């Protein structure tokens, strides 16, 4: 019975670590003057080539998403740590 409770608690913790950040990232926006999705008035859209001509030098890299970003490494390390803790608790109970 204790093992099942520990497994259930660990599974709930892992599910929370995975699902809570995505749930918190969803913000409700109210349409109006401060809506970030509406375009600004009097905006001139230029392409990258034209922007390089205006700036006079190549644009710096902005980073962007990585395949093995910090969120993937953090999630993997949390899962590994939770597994080690569960293993240690179950081994000590014997």
N, C-alpha and C. Protein backbone atom coordinates (compact mmCIF):
# COMPACT_ATOMS: atom_id res chain seq x y z
N UNK A 1 0.82 -1.20 0.00
CA UNK A 1 0.00 0.00 0.00
C UNK A 1 0.86 1.26 0.00
N UNK A 2 1.95 1.21 0.76
CA UNK A 2 2.83 2.38 0.84
C UNK A 2 3.51 2.62 -0.50
N UNK A 3 3.90 1.54 -1.15
CA UNK A 3 4.55 1.68 -2.46
C UNK A 3 3.62 2.33 -3.47
N UNK A 4 2.38 1.89 -3.47
CA UNK A 4 1.42 2.47 -4.41
C UNK A 4 1.21 3.95 -4.15
N UNK A 5 1.18 4.33 -2.88
CA UNK A 5 1.02 5.73 -2.54
C UNK A 5 2.22 6.55 -3.00
N UNK A 6 3.42 6.01 -2.81
CA UNK A 6 4.64 6.71 -3.25
C UNK A 6 4.66 6.82 -4.77
N UNK A 7 4.29 5.76 -5.45
CA UNK A 7 4.24 5.81 -6.92
C UNK A 7 3.22 6.83 -7.40
N UNK A 8 2.06 6.85 -6.77
CA UNK A 8 1.02 7.80 -7.15
C UNK A 8 1.47 9.23 -6.90
N UNK A 9 2.11 9.48 -5.75
CA UNK A 9 2.59 10.83 -5.45
C UNK A 9 3.68 11.25 -6.43
N UNK A 10 4.57 10.34 -6.77
CA UNK A 10 5.63 10.66 -7.74
C UNK A 10 5.04 10.93 -9.12
N UNK A 11 4.08 10.12 -9.53
CA UNK A 11 3.46 10.34 -10.84
C UNK A 11 2.72 11.67 -10.88
N UNK A 12 2.05 12.02 -9.77
CA UNK A 12 1.36 13.31 -9.72
C UNK A 12 2.35 14.47 -9.77
N UNK A 13 3.48 14.33 -9.07
CA UNK A 13 4.50 15.38 -9.09
C UNK A 13 5.07 15.56 -10.49
N UNK A 14 5.38 14.46 -11.16
CA UNK A 14 5.92 14.54 -12.51
C UNK A 14 4.90 15.15 -13.47
N UNK A 15 3.64 14.77 -13.34
CA UNK A 15 2.60 15.33 -14.20
C UNK A 15 2.47 16.83 -13.96
N UNK A 16 2.55 17.25 -12.70
CA UNK A 16 2.47 18.68 -12.40
C UNK A 16 3.67 19.43 -12.98
N UNK A 17 4.86 18.85 -12.89
CA UNK A 17 6.05 19.51 -13.42
C UNK A 17 5.96 19.69 -14.93
N UNK A 18 5.25 18.79 -15.58
CA UNK A 18 5.14 18.88 -17.04
C UNK A 18 3.97 19.77 -17.45
N UNK A 19 2.83 19.67 -16.78
CA UNK A 19 1.62 20.35 -17.24
C UNK A 19 1.43 21.76 -16.69
N UNK A 20 1.90 22.05 -15.50
CA UNK A 20 1.64 23.35 -14.90
C UNK A 20 2.28 24.50 -15.67
N UNK A 21 3.55 24.41 -16.13
CA UNK A 21 4.11 25.55 -16.88
C UNK A 21 3.33 25.89 -18.14
N UNK A 22 2.81 24.88 -18.84
CA UNK A 22 2.04 25.18 -20.05
C UNK A 22 0.70 25.79 -19.71
N UNK A 23 0.11 25.39 -18.59
CA UNK A 23 -1.16 25.97 -18.19
C UNK A 23 -0.99 27.42 -17.75
N UNK A 24 0.11 27.71 -17.07
CA UNK A 24 0.36 29.08 -16.63
C UNK A 24 0.76 30.00 -17.78
N UNK A 25 1.27 29.43 -18.87
CA UNK A 25 1.72 30.25 -19.99
C UNK A 25 0.55 30.78 -20.82
N UNK A 26 -0.62 30.21 -20.64
CA UNK A 26 -1.78 30.67 -21.41
C UNK A 26 -2.42 31.85 -20.69
N UNK A 27 -2.24 33.02 -21.26
CA UNK A 27 -2.81 34.21 -20.66
C UNK A 27 -4.04 34.64 -21.47
N UNK A 28 -5.05 35.09 -20.76
CA UNK A 28 -6.23 35.62 -21.43
C UNK A 28 -5.96 37.07 -21.77
N UNK A 29 -6.13 37.42 -23.03
CA UNK A 29 -5.95 38.81 -23.44
C UNK A 29 -7.32 39.40 -23.76
N UNK A 30 -7.51 40.61 -23.34
CA UNK A 30 -8.75 41.32 -23.58
C UNK A 30 -8.55 42.19 -24.82
N UNK A 31 -9.45 42.06 -25.78
CA UNK A 31 -9.33 42.86 -26.98
C UNK A 31 -9.61 44.32 -26.64
N UNK A 32 -8.78 45.17 -27.17
CA UNK A 32 -8.95 46.59 -26.89
C UNK A 32 -7.71 47.35 -27.35
N UNK A 33 -7.48 48.49 -26.73
CA UNK A 33 -6.35 49.33 -27.12
C UNK A 33 -5.01 48.69 -26.78
N UNK A 34 -4.96 47.89 -25.73
CA UNK A 34 -3.71 47.29 -25.29
C UNK A 34 -3.52 45.86 -25.80
N UNK A 35 -4.24 45.48 -26.82
CA UNK A 35 -4.14 44.12 -27.34
C UNK A 35 -2.81 43.94 -28.05
N UNK A 36 -1.95 43.02 -27.59
CA UNK A 36 -0.65 42.83 -28.23
C UNK A 36 -0.74 42.16 -29.60
N UNK A 37 -1.90 41.59 -29.93
CA UNK A 37 -2.03 40.91 -31.21
C UNK A 37 -2.45 41.85 -32.35
N UNK A 38 -2.93 43.03 -32.01
CA UNK A 38 -3.31 43.98 -33.04
C UNK A 38 -2.08 44.73 -33.55
N UNK A 39 -1.97 44.94 -34.86
CA UNK A 39 -0.80 45.67 -35.38
C UNK A 39 -0.85 47.14 -34.98
N UNK A 40 0.33 47.70 -34.84
CA UNK A 40 0.44 49.13 -34.52
C UNK A 40 0.05 49.95 -35.75
N UNK A 41 -0.51 51.12 -35.57
CA UNK A 41 -0.84 51.97 -36.72
C UNK A 41 0.43 52.58 -37.32
N UNK A 42 0.40 52.82 -38.63
CA UNK A 42 1.50 53.46 -39.37
C UNK A 42 2.80 52.67 -39.30
N UNK A 43 2.74 51.36 -39.44
CA UNK A 43 3.92 50.51 -39.40
C UNK A 43 4.33 50.18 -40.83
N UNK A 44 5.64 50.29 -41.10
CA UNK A 44 6.17 49.93 -42.41
C UNK A 44 6.89 48.60 -42.26
N UNK A 45 6.48 47.61 -43.05
CA UNK A 45 7.07 46.28 -42.97
C UNK A 45 8.16 46.18 -44.04
N UNK A 46 9.37 45.79 -43.61
CA UNK A 46 10.48 45.62 -44.55
C UNK A 46 11.01 44.19 -44.41
N UNK A 47 11.61 43.70 -45.47
CA UNK A 47 12.20 42.37 -45.46
C UNK A 47 13.58 42.39 -44.84
N UNK A 48 14.17 41.20 -44.68
CA UNK A 48 15.47 41.11 -44.03
C UNK A 48 16.57 41.74 -44.87
N UNK A 49 16.51 41.57 -46.19
CA UNK A 49 17.53 42.17 -47.05
C UNK A 49 17.51 43.69 -46.96
N UNK A 50 16.31 44.25 -46.99
CA UNK A 50 16.19 45.70 -46.90
C UNK A 50 16.62 46.20 -45.51
N UNK A 51 16.35 45.42 -44.50
CA UNK A 51 16.76 45.80 -43.15
C UNK A 51 18.27 45.77 -43.00
N UNK A 52 18.94 44.82 -43.66
CA UNK A 52 20.41 44.79 -43.65
C UNK A 52 20.97 46.03 -44.33
N UNK A 53 20.34 46.46 -45.41
CA UNK A 53 20.78 47.68 -46.10
C UNK A 53 20.60 48.90 -45.19
N UNK A 54 19.52 48.96 -44.47
CA UNK A 54 19.27 50.09 -43.57
C UNK A 54 20.27 50.07 -42.41
N UNK A 55 20.51 48.91 -41.84
CA UNK A 55 21.40 48.81 -40.69
C UNK A 55 22.86 48.95 -41.09
N UNK A 56 23.21 48.53 -42.30
CA UNK A 56 24.59 48.64 -42.76
C UNK A 56 25.47 47.48 -42.38
N UNK A 57 24.96 46.53 -41.67
CA UNK A 57 25.75 45.36 -41.28
C UNK A 57 24.80 44.17 -41.13
N UNK A 58 25.33 42.95 -41.17
CA UNK A 58 24.45 41.78 -41.00
C UNK A 58 23.80 41.78 -39.62
N UNK A 59 22.60 41.27 -39.57
CA UNK A 59 21.86 41.22 -38.31
C UNK A 59 22.43 40.12 -37.40
N UNK A 60 22.49 40.37 -36.10
CA UNK A 60 23.00 39.34 -35.18
C UNK A 60 22.01 38.20 -35.04
N UNK A 61 22.52 37.05 -34.68
CA UNK A 61 21.66 35.89 -34.42
C UNK A 61 20.88 36.14 -33.13
N UNK A 62 19.60 35.76 -33.13
CA UNK A 62 18.77 36.02 -31.96
C UNK A 62 18.65 34.80 -31.05
N UNK A 63 19.28 33.73 -31.40
CA UNK A 63 19.20 32.53 -30.55
C UNK A 63 18.15 31.59 -31.08
N UNK A 64 16.96 31.70 -30.60
CA UNK A 64 15.89 30.83 -31.05
C UNK A 64 15.87 29.53 -30.27
N UNK A 65 14.90 28.68 -30.56
CA UNK A 65 14.78 27.44 -29.80
C UNK A 65 15.90 26.46 -30.15
N UNK A 66 16.32 25.73 -29.13
CA UNK A 66 17.33 24.71 -29.31
C UNK A 66 16.68 23.34 -29.18
N UNK A 67 17.29 22.36 -29.79
CA UNK A 67 16.74 21.01 -29.70
C UNK A 67 16.90 20.50 -28.27
N UNK A 68 18.05 20.70 -27.68
CA UNK A 68 18.29 20.29 -26.30
C UNK A 68 18.38 21.53 -25.43
N UNK A 69 17.29 22.27 -25.34
CA UNK A 69 17.27 23.50 -24.56
C UNK A 69 17.25 23.22 -23.07
N UNK A 70 17.28 24.26 -22.31
CA UNK A 70 17.34 24.12 -20.86
C UNK A 70 16.06 23.49 -20.30
N UNK A 71 14.91 23.71 -20.95
CA UNK A 71 13.68 23.12 -20.43
C UNK A 71 13.69 21.61 -20.56
N UNK A 72 14.27 21.09 -21.64
CA UNK A 72 14.34 19.64 -21.82
C UNK A 72 15.30 19.04 -20.80
N UNK A 73 16.44 19.70 -20.59
CA UNK A 73 17.42 19.20 -19.63
C UNK A 73 16.85 19.28 -18.21
N UNK A 74 16.15 20.37 -17.90
CA UNK A 74 15.55 20.51 -16.57
C UNK A 74 14.50 19.44 -16.32
N UNK A 75 13.65 19.18 -17.29
CA UNK A 75 12.62 18.16 -17.14
C UNK A 75 13.24 16.78 -16.95
N UNK A 76 14.27 16.48 -17.74
CA UNK A 76 14.93 15.18 -17.63
C UNK A 76 15.60 15.03 -16.27
N UNK A 77 16.23 16.09 -15.79
CA UNK A 77 16.90 15.98 -14.49
C UNK A 77 15.89 15.85 -13.36
N UNK A 78 14.74 16.52 -13.46
CA UNK A 78 13.70 16.37 -12.44
C UNK A 78 13.13 14.95 -12.43
N UNK A 79 12.93 14.38 -13.61
CA UNK A 79 12.43 13.00 -13.67
C UNK A 79 13.45 12.03 -13.09
N UNK A 80 14.72 12.23 -13.42
CA UNK A 80 15.77 11.37 -12.89
C UNK A 80 15.87 11.50 -11.37
N UNK A 81 15.82 12.72 -10.87
CA UNK A 81 15.89 12.94 -9.43
C UNK A 81 14.71 12.32 -8.71
N UNK A 82 13.50 12.46 -9.27
CA UNK A 82 12.32 11.85 -8.65
C UNK A 82 12.45 10.33 -8.63
N UNK A 83 12.98 9.76 -9.68
CA UNK A 83 13.17 8.30 -9.72
C UNK A 83 14.18 7.84 -8.69
N UNK A 84 15.25 8.59 -8.50
CA UNK A 84 16.26 8.23 -7.50
C UNK A 84 15.68 8.31 -6.10
N UNK A 85 14.89 9.35 -5.83
CA UNK A 85 14.28 9.48 -4.51
C UNK A 85 13.31 8.34 -4.25
N UNK A 86 12.49 7.99 -5.21
CA UNK A 86 11.54 6.88 -5.04
C UNK A 86 12.29 5.57 -4.81
N UNK A 87 13.35 5.34 -5.56
CA UNK A 87 14.14 4.13 -5.39
C UNK A 87 14.75 4.06 -3.99
N UNK A 88 15.29 5.18 -3.53
CA UNK A 88 15.90 5.21 -2.19
C UNK A 88 14.86 4.97 -1.10
N UNK A 89 13.69 5.56 -1.24
CA UNK A 89 12.64 5.36 -0.24
C UNK A 89 12.17 3.91 -0.23
N UNK A 90 11.96 3.34 -1.39
CA UNK A 90 11.49 1.95 -1.44
C UNK A 90 12.55 0.98 -0.94
N UNK A 91 13.79 1.26 -1.22
CA UNK A 91 14.87 0.37 -0.77
C UNK A 91 15.02 0.45 0.75
N UNK A 92 14.85 1.63 1.32
CA UNK A 92 14.99 1.80 2.77
C UNK A 92 13.84 1.12 3.51
N UNK A 93 12.65 1.05 2.90
CA UNK A 93 11.49 0.46 3.55
C UNK A 93 11.63 -1.04 3.72
N UNK A 94 12.44 -1.69 2.91
CA UNK A 94 12.57 -3.17 2.96
C UNK A 94 13.28 -3.62 4.18
